[in-house]
Protein backbone atom coordinates (compact mmCIF):
# COMPACT_ATOMS: atom_id res chain seq x y z
CA MET A 1 28.84 -80.07 20.45
CA ALA A 2 26.08 -79.79 17.85
CA LEU A 3 24.55 -82.92 16.38
CA SER A 4 26.37 -83.93 13.20
CA LEU A 5 24.04 -85.14 10.46
CA THR A 6 24.82 -87.32 7.46
CA PRO A 7 25.10 -85.05 4.39
CA PHE A 8 22.32 -85.24 1.83
CA SER A 9 24.83 -86.34 -0.81
CA ASP A 10 25.77 -89.40 1.24
CA LEU A 11 22.27 -90.85 1.49
CA PRO A 12 21.49 -94.08 -0.43
CA ASP A 13 20.10 -93.53 -3.92
CA ALA A 14 17.32 -96.04 -3.27
CA LEU A 15 16.07 -94.04 -0.30
CA LEU A 16 16.23 -90.76 -2.22
CA LYS A 17 14.17 -92.34 -4.97
CA GLU A 18 11.51 -93.29 -2.44
CA LEU A 19 11.52 -89.82 -0.92
CA ALA A 20 10.92 -88.38 -4.39
CA GLU A 21 7.50 -90.07 -4.31
CA ILE A 22 6.65 -87.86 -1.33
CA GLY A 23 8.07 -84.58 -2.59
CA ASP A 24 11.38 -82.94 -3.27
CA PRO A 25 13.94 -85.15 -1.44
CA ARG A 26 16.07 -82.18 -0.42
CA SER A 27 13.04 -80.49 1.11
CA VAL A 28 12.21 -83.63 3.08
CA TYR A 29 15.84 -83.82 4.25
CA ASP A 30 15.75 -80.19 5.38
CA LEU A 31 12.48 -80.74 7.22
CA VAL A 32 13.93 -83.70 9.09
CA ALA A 33 17.13 -81.78 9.82
CA GLY A 34 15.08 -79.02 11.41
CA ALA A 35 13.14 -81.52 13.50
CA LEU A 36 16.35 -83.18 14.69
CA HIS A 37 18.05 -79.92 15.61
CA GLU A 38 14.90 -78.95 17.50
CA ASP A 39 15.05 -82.20 19.49
CA VAL A 40 18.83 -82.43 19.80
CA PRO A 41 20.30 -78.92 19.74
CA THR A 42 23.63 -80.17 21.08
CA GLU A 43 23.58 -83.81 22.19
CA ASP A 44 21.37 -86.48 23.72
CA VAL A 45 22.69 -86.02 27.24
CA THR A 46 20.85 -88.99 28.76
CA SER A 47 22.09 -91.50 26.20
CA ALA A 48 25.60 -90.05 26.31
CA ALA A 49 25.71 -90.51 30.07
CA THR A 50 24.17 -93.99 30.31
CA ILE A 51 25.15 -95.89 27.15
CA GLY A 52 28.63 -96.80 26.00
CA THR A 53 29.68 -96.11 22.43
CA ASP A 54 30.26 -99.83 21.88
CA VAL A 55 26.77 -100.93 22.91
CA HIS A 56 24.76 -102.21 19.96
CA GLY A 57 21.14 -103.25 19.72
CA VAL A 58 18.09 -103.81 17.56
CA ALA A 59 14.99 -101.63 17.64
CA ASP A 60 11.55 -102.55 16.33
CA PHE A 61 8.81 -100.07 15.51
CA ASN A 62 5.76 -102.06 16.59
CA ALA A 63 2.16 -101.27 15.76
CA ARG A 64 -0.04 -101.05 18.84
CA GLU A 65 -3.30 -100.71 16.96
CA GLN A 66 -4.84 -101.61 13.63
CA GLY A 67 -4.44 -99.21 10.75
CA VAL A 68 -2.46 -98.11 7.69
CA VAL A 69 1.18 -97.06 7.96
CA ALA A 70 2.85 -94.18 6.18
CA GLY A 71 6.08 -92.23 6.55
CA LEU A 72 8.32 -95.18 7.29
CA ALA A 73 10.76 -94.14 4.56
CA VAL A 74 11.04 -90.78 6.31
CA ALA A 75 11.59 -92.60 9.61
CA GLU A 76 14.44 -94.50 7.95
CA LEU A 77 15.82 -91.15 6.78
CA VAL A 78 15.90 -89.95 10.40
CA PHE A 79 18.01 -92.91 11.48
CA ARG A 80 20.36 -92.56 8.51
CA MET A 81 20.82 -88.84 9.12
CA VAL A 82 21.69 -89.42 12.79
CA MET A 83 23.71 -92.63 12.43
CA GLY A 84 25.12 -92.64 8.90
CA ASP A 85 26.51 -95.97 7.81
CA THR A 86 26.48 -97.36 11.36
CA VAL A 87 22.75 -98.13 11.11
CA SER A 88 21.27 -101.13 9.33
CA ILE A 89 17.67 -101.15 8.11
CA ASP A 90 16.77 -104.78 8.65
CA GLN A 91 13.20 -104.57 7.39
CA ARG A 92 10.59 -101.95 6.59
CA THR A 93 6.90 -102.39 5.82
CA ALA A 94 5.74 -100.64 2.66
CA ASP A 95 3.84 -97.40 3.17
CA GLY A 96 0.14 -97.92 2.56
CA SER A 97 0.15 -101.38 4.15
CA ARG A 98 -2.51 -102.40 6.66
CA VAL A 99 -1.11 -103.58 9.98
CA VAL A 100 -2.43 -105.04 13.20
CA PRO A 101 -1.20 -104.79 16.80
CA GLY A 102 2.15 -106.52 17.23
CA ASP A 103 3.33 -106.07 13.66
CA ALA A 104 6.94 -104.86 13.43
CA VAL A 105 6.78 -102.22 10.69
CA LEU A 106 10.43 -101.12 10.87
CA THR A 107 13.50 -102.80 12.32
CA VAL A 108 16.80 -100.96 12.66
CA SER A 109 20.05 -101.99 14.28
CA GLY A 110 23.28 -100.32 15.28
CA PRO A 111 24.80 -98.33 18.16
CA VAL A 112 22.13 -97.89 20.82
CA ARG A 113 23.08 -94.26 21.44
CA GLY A 114 22.15 -93.40 17.87
CA LEU A 115 18.96 -95.48 17.93
CA LEU A 116 17.68 -93.64 21.01
CA THR A 117 18.74 -90.23 19.75
CA ALA A 118 16.76 -90.74 16.53
CA GLU A 119 13.81 -92.50 18.17
CA ARG A 120 11.44 -89.64 19.00
CA THR A 121 11.82 -87.71 15.76
CA ALA A 122 11.31 -90.88 13.72
CA LEU A 123 8.27 -91.85 15.78
CA ASN A 124 6.73 -88.39 15.64
CA ILE A 125 6.81 -88.46 11.86
CA ALA A 126 5.70 -92.07 11.40
CA CYS A 127 2.94 -91.86 14.02
CA HIS A 128 1.52 -88.66 12.55
CA LEU A 129 1.60 -89.76 8.92
CA SER A 130 0.24 -93.21 9.78
CA GLY A 131 -2.56 -91.44 11.62
CA VAL A 132 -3.40 -89.49 8.46
CA ALA A 133 -3.29 -92.66 6.35
CA THR A 134 -5.44 -94.59 8.84
CA ALA A 135 -8.05 -91.83 9.05
CA THR A 136 -8.18 -91.61 5.26
CA ALA A 137 -8.61 -95.36 4.96
CA ALA A 138 -11.61 -95.18 7.28
CA TRP A 139 -13.27 -92.68 4.92
CA VAL A 140 -12.43 -94.85 1.91
CA THR A 141 -14.09 -97.80 3.63
CA ALA A 142 -17.16 -95.71 4.46
CA LEU A 143 -17.54 -94.75 0.79
CA GLU A 144 -17.31 -98.30 -0.56
CA GLY A 145 -20.16 -99.15 -2.90
CA THR A 146 -20.57 -95.54 -4.06
CA ARG A 147 -18.96 -93.52 -6.83
CA ALA A 148 -17.59 -90.93 -4.43
CA ARG A 149 -13.97 -90.55 -3.37
CA VAL A 150 -12.46 -88.65 -0.45
CA LEU A 151 -10.29 -85.59 -1.07
CA ASP A 152 -7.84 -83.82 1.18
CA THR A 153 -7.58 -80.02 1.44
CA ARG A 154 -5.01 -77.28 2.03
CA LYS A 155 -5.81 -77.40 5.75
CA THR A 156 -2.42 -78.92 6.48
CA LEU A 157 0.13 -78.29 9.21
CA PRO A 158 2.71 -75.66 8.17
CA GLY A 159 5.70 -77.27 6.49
CA LEU A 160 4.12 -80.73 6.38
CA ARG A 161 1.83 -80.44 3.36
CA ALA A 162 3.76 -82.74 1.02
CA LEU A 163 4.14 -85.38 3.72
CA GLN A 164 0.51 -85.18 4.83
CA LYS A 165 -0.84 -85.35 1.29
CA TYR A 166 1.42 -88.32 0.62
CA ALA A 167 -0.07 -90.03 3.68
CA VAL A 168 -3.59 -89.33 2.37
CA ALA A 169 -2.66 -91.11 -0.85
CA CYS A 170 -1.24 -94.02 1.19
CA GLY A 171 -4.65 -94.33 2.83
CA GLY A 172 -6.44 -94.46 -0.51
CA GLY A 173 -7.56 -90.84 -0.71
CA VAL A 174 -7.21 -88.35 -3.55
CA ASN A 175 -5.03 -85.25 -3.37
CA HIS A 176 -6.72 -81.93 -4.05
CA ARG A 177 -4.57 -78.97 -5.10
CA PHE A 178 -1.22 -78.60 -3.38
CA SER A 179 -1.09 -74.82 -3.44
CA LEU A 180 -2.82 -71.62 -4.50
CA SER A 181 -0.78 -71.76 -7.71
CA ASP A 182 -1.78 -75.25 -8.90
CA ARG A 183 -5.31 -74.43 -9.89
CA ALA A 184 -8.03 -71.93 -9.12
CA MET A 185 -10.70 -72.40 -6.49
CA VAL A 186 -13.21 -69.58 -6.27
CA LYS A 187 -14.56 -69.27 -2.73
CA ASP A 188 -17.22 -67.05 -1.16
CA ASN A 189 -14.87 -64.10 -0.61
CA HIS A 190 -13.76 -64.19 -4.25
CA VAL A 191 -17.41 -64.29 -5.31
CA LEU A 192 -18.21 -61.28 -3.14
CA ALA A 193 -15.26 -59.30 -4.51
CA ALA A 194 -16.00 -60.23 -8.13
CA GLY A 195 -19.74 -59.57 -7.97
CA GLY A 196 -21.06 -63.11 -8.37
CA VAL A 197 -20.11 -66.71 -9.11
CA VAL A 198 -20.21 -66.36 -12.89
CA PRO A 199 -18.14 -63.14 -13.07
CA ALA A 200 -15.60 -64.73 -10.73
CA PHE A 201 -15.47 -67.92 -12.81
CA GLU A 202 -15.11 -66.04 -16.07
CA ALA A 203 -12.42 -63.73 -14.64
CA VAL A 204 -10.25 -66.69 -13.66
CA ARG A 205 -10.86 -68.50 -16.94
CA THR A 206 -9.86 -65.38 -18.87
CA ALA A 207 -6.74 -64.70 -16.80
CA TYR A 208 -5.57 -68.34 -16.67
CA PRO A 209 -7.13 -70.21 -19.59
CA ASP A 210 -4.99 -73.32 -19.08
CA LEU A 211 -5.77 -73.77 -15.39
CA ARG A 212 -8.56 -75.86 -13.91
CA VAL A 213 -11.18 -73.73 -12.16
CA GLU A 214 -13.43 -74.90 -9.35
CA VAL A 215 -16.14 -72.66 -7.92
CA GLU A 216 -17.87 -72.91 -4.56
CA VAL A 217 -21.66 -72.52 -4.44
CA THR A 218 -23.96 -72.17 -1.47
CA ASP A 219 -27.31 -72.55 -3.22
CA LEU A 220 -28.85 -74.20 -6.27
CA ASP A 221 -29.35 -70.96 -8.21
CA GLN A 222 -25.58 -70.41 -8.20
CA LEU A 223 -25.15 -73.99 -9.38
CA ARG A 224 -27.53 -73.47 -12.31
CA ASP A 225 -25.77 -70.25 -13.31
CA LEU A 226 -22.35 -71.91 -13.28
CA LEU A 227 -23.50 -74.91 -15.30
CA ALA A 228 -24.95 -72.52 -17.88
CA ALA A 229 -21.58 -70.75 -17.99
CA GLY A 230 -19.75 -74.03 -18.62
CA CYS A 231 -18.10 -74.56 -15.24
CA THR A 232 -17.06 -78.20 -14.89
CA GLU A 233 -15.86 -78.31 -11.27
CA ILE A 234 -18.24 -77.16 -8.56
CA LEU A 235 -17.99 -77.35 -4.77
CA LEU A 236 -21.23 -77.68 -2.80
CA ASP A 237 -20.63 -75.87 0.47
CA ASN A 238 -22.46 -76.86 3.66
CA MET A 239 -25.51 -78.30 1.94
CA SER A 240 -27.91 -80.87 3.34
CA SER A 241 -27.98 -84.32 1.80
CA GLU A 242 -31.36 -83.52 0.23
CA THR A 243 -30.02 -80.34 -1.38
CA MET A 244 -26.94 -82.18 -2.67
CA ALA A 245 -29.15 -84.85 -4.23
CA GLU A 246 -31.08 -82.10 -5.98
CA ALA A 247 -27.79 -80.56 -7.13
CA VAL A 248 -26.81 -83.89 -8.69
CA ARG A 249 -30.17 -84.07 -10.49
CA ILE A 250 -29.72 -80.52 -11.82
CA ARG A 251 -26.20 -81.32 -12.99
CA ASP A 252 -27.30 -84.51 -14.73
CA GLU A 253 -30.20 -82.81 -16.49
CA SER A 254 -27.98 -79.94 -17.64
CA GLY A 255 -25.87 -82.23 -19.79
CA VAL A 256 -22.69 -80.57 -18.48
CA ALA A 257 -19.98 -83.07 -17.49
CA ALA A 258 -19.27 -81.31 -14.20
CA THR A 259 -17.88 -82.88 -11.05
CA LEU A 260 -19.57 -82.07 -7.75
CA GLU A 261 -17.60 -81.91 -4.51
CA ALA A 262 -19.30 -81.95 -1.12
CA SER A 263 -17.63 -79.88 1.58
CA GLY A 264 -18.36 -78.55 5.03
CA GLY A 265 -19.84 -80.27 8.05
CA LEU A 266 -18.92 -83.74 6.86
CA THR A 267 -18.41 -86.53 9.37
CA LEU A 268 -17.41 -90.14 8.98
CA GLU A 269 -20.83 -91.20 10.25
CA ARG A 270 -22.51 -89.17 7.52
CA ALA A 271 -20.09 -90.11 4.74
CA ALA A 272 -22.13 -92.90 3.11
CA GLU A 273 -25.31 -90.83 3.23
CA VAL A 274 -23.61 -87.93 1.44
CA ALA A 275 -21.98 -90.25 -1.11
CA ARG A 276 -25.35 -91.80 -1.97
CA THR A 277 -26.57 -88.39 -3.17
CA GLY A 278 -24.39 -88.95 -6.24
CA VAL A 279 -21.64 -86.40 -5.61
CA ASP A 280 -18.23 -87.24 -6.99
CA PHE A 281 -16.03 -86.18 -4.08
CA LEU A 282 -16.16 -85.44 -0.38
CA SER A 283 -13.42 -83.03 0.76
CA VAL A 284 -12.37 -83.48 4.38
CA GLY A 285 -10.03 -81.06 6.11
CA ALA A 286 -9.94 -83.23 9.22
CA LEU A 287 -7.78 -85.77 7.39
CA THR A 288 -4.83 -83.46 7.98
CA HIS A 289 -5.69 -80.64 10.38
CA SER A 290 -6.86 -82.62 13.41
CA VAL A 291 -5.95 -86.25 12.90
CA VAL A 292 -5.24 -88.57 15.84
CA VAL A 293 -1.73 -90.03 15.74
CA PHE A 294 -1.31 -93.74 15.09
CA ASP A 295 0.10 -95.70 18.01
CA LEU A 296 3.57 -96.94 17.18
CA GLY A 297 6.25 -97.69 19.75
CA MET A 298 9.96 -98.45 19.51
CA ASP A 299 11.07 -101.50 21.46
CA LEU A 300 14.79 -102.07 21.95
CA ARG A 301 16.33 -105.52 22.21
CA GLU A 302 19.87 -106.83 22.39
CA GLN A 303 21.64 -107.49 19.11
C-alpha cells in the first residue's frame, strides 16, 4: 500500500505561513512529497515489522557540531505529512540560530512507526540546509570589518534553489538572482555573441529597460568602457586581489555609483583579502553546489 500523506489543505496555517518565507508553500509541499515517495514507495517495511501501532515515543534532532541551523520548518512539514495530527511538535529552534553540540533543535512525539518513517527525509533536508547556512555564516564571519557581503549564485541543486537560497539568508548571506528571468547578467558568452561588453549591456538595457543589468568583465579596459556607458553593476571575474583593488580605484574615480562583485577562484581563506580591496560583494557558488552537510542526528526516547 502506498504511503498516505496529509493533504496540503490540512496543514496548520502557522506552518504554511513559515513555509511562505522560503518559497511557494505548495511547491515546498510537492518537493517533500516527492522525497517521501522516493524513500517510501509503499511502506516502511522494517518499522511495520518491528514496531507496534500503539508504541509512542519522543524524538530529538540533536546537533553534533557547532553551526547555524536551517530547514527545521521543512523538517516539521515532513513529520506532519507522514503522521498528520498524530504528531506533536514539542519544540523547534528558529532557523538562523547558532547551535552547539548537544543542542536539541527539534523535538517531535507520537507513534514511533511514523517518527522513524519520516526520520531520514526530515534529516536529509535539515542537514543539507543547515550545512548551507553554516557555510554561509563562516563567510560572513570572514568578511567582518569590511564593507563586503557574500552572495549566493544560481549554482544550486536542481529543484532545491528556493530552499538553498533561504538557507543562505539564514546564514547571513545575500541572495543573488533566483532565475534567468529576474534580472540580466551578461557573461562572457553573451559578450562574444554581442560583439563586446558595451553592445551587450546596451542591448539588454534597450530590450528590458526596467530590469537590473549586471555585466561580467575580465580586464580593466572592459570595466572602464562599462563605467563610461553607465553600467552600475559589474562582476569582476577571476581577477587577482591587486587587479580588483585597481578596479575599485577606477570605479571610485569615475564618479559612477557602481557596485563591484568579485567572482571566481574565491576561497574562505582568501575572503578577507579580497574584501579589503573594496569590492562590494563576493559571489560564492560553493555555498550551494558543494556544501558539506551539517551533522544532525535523531535520537529516540520513550514517551
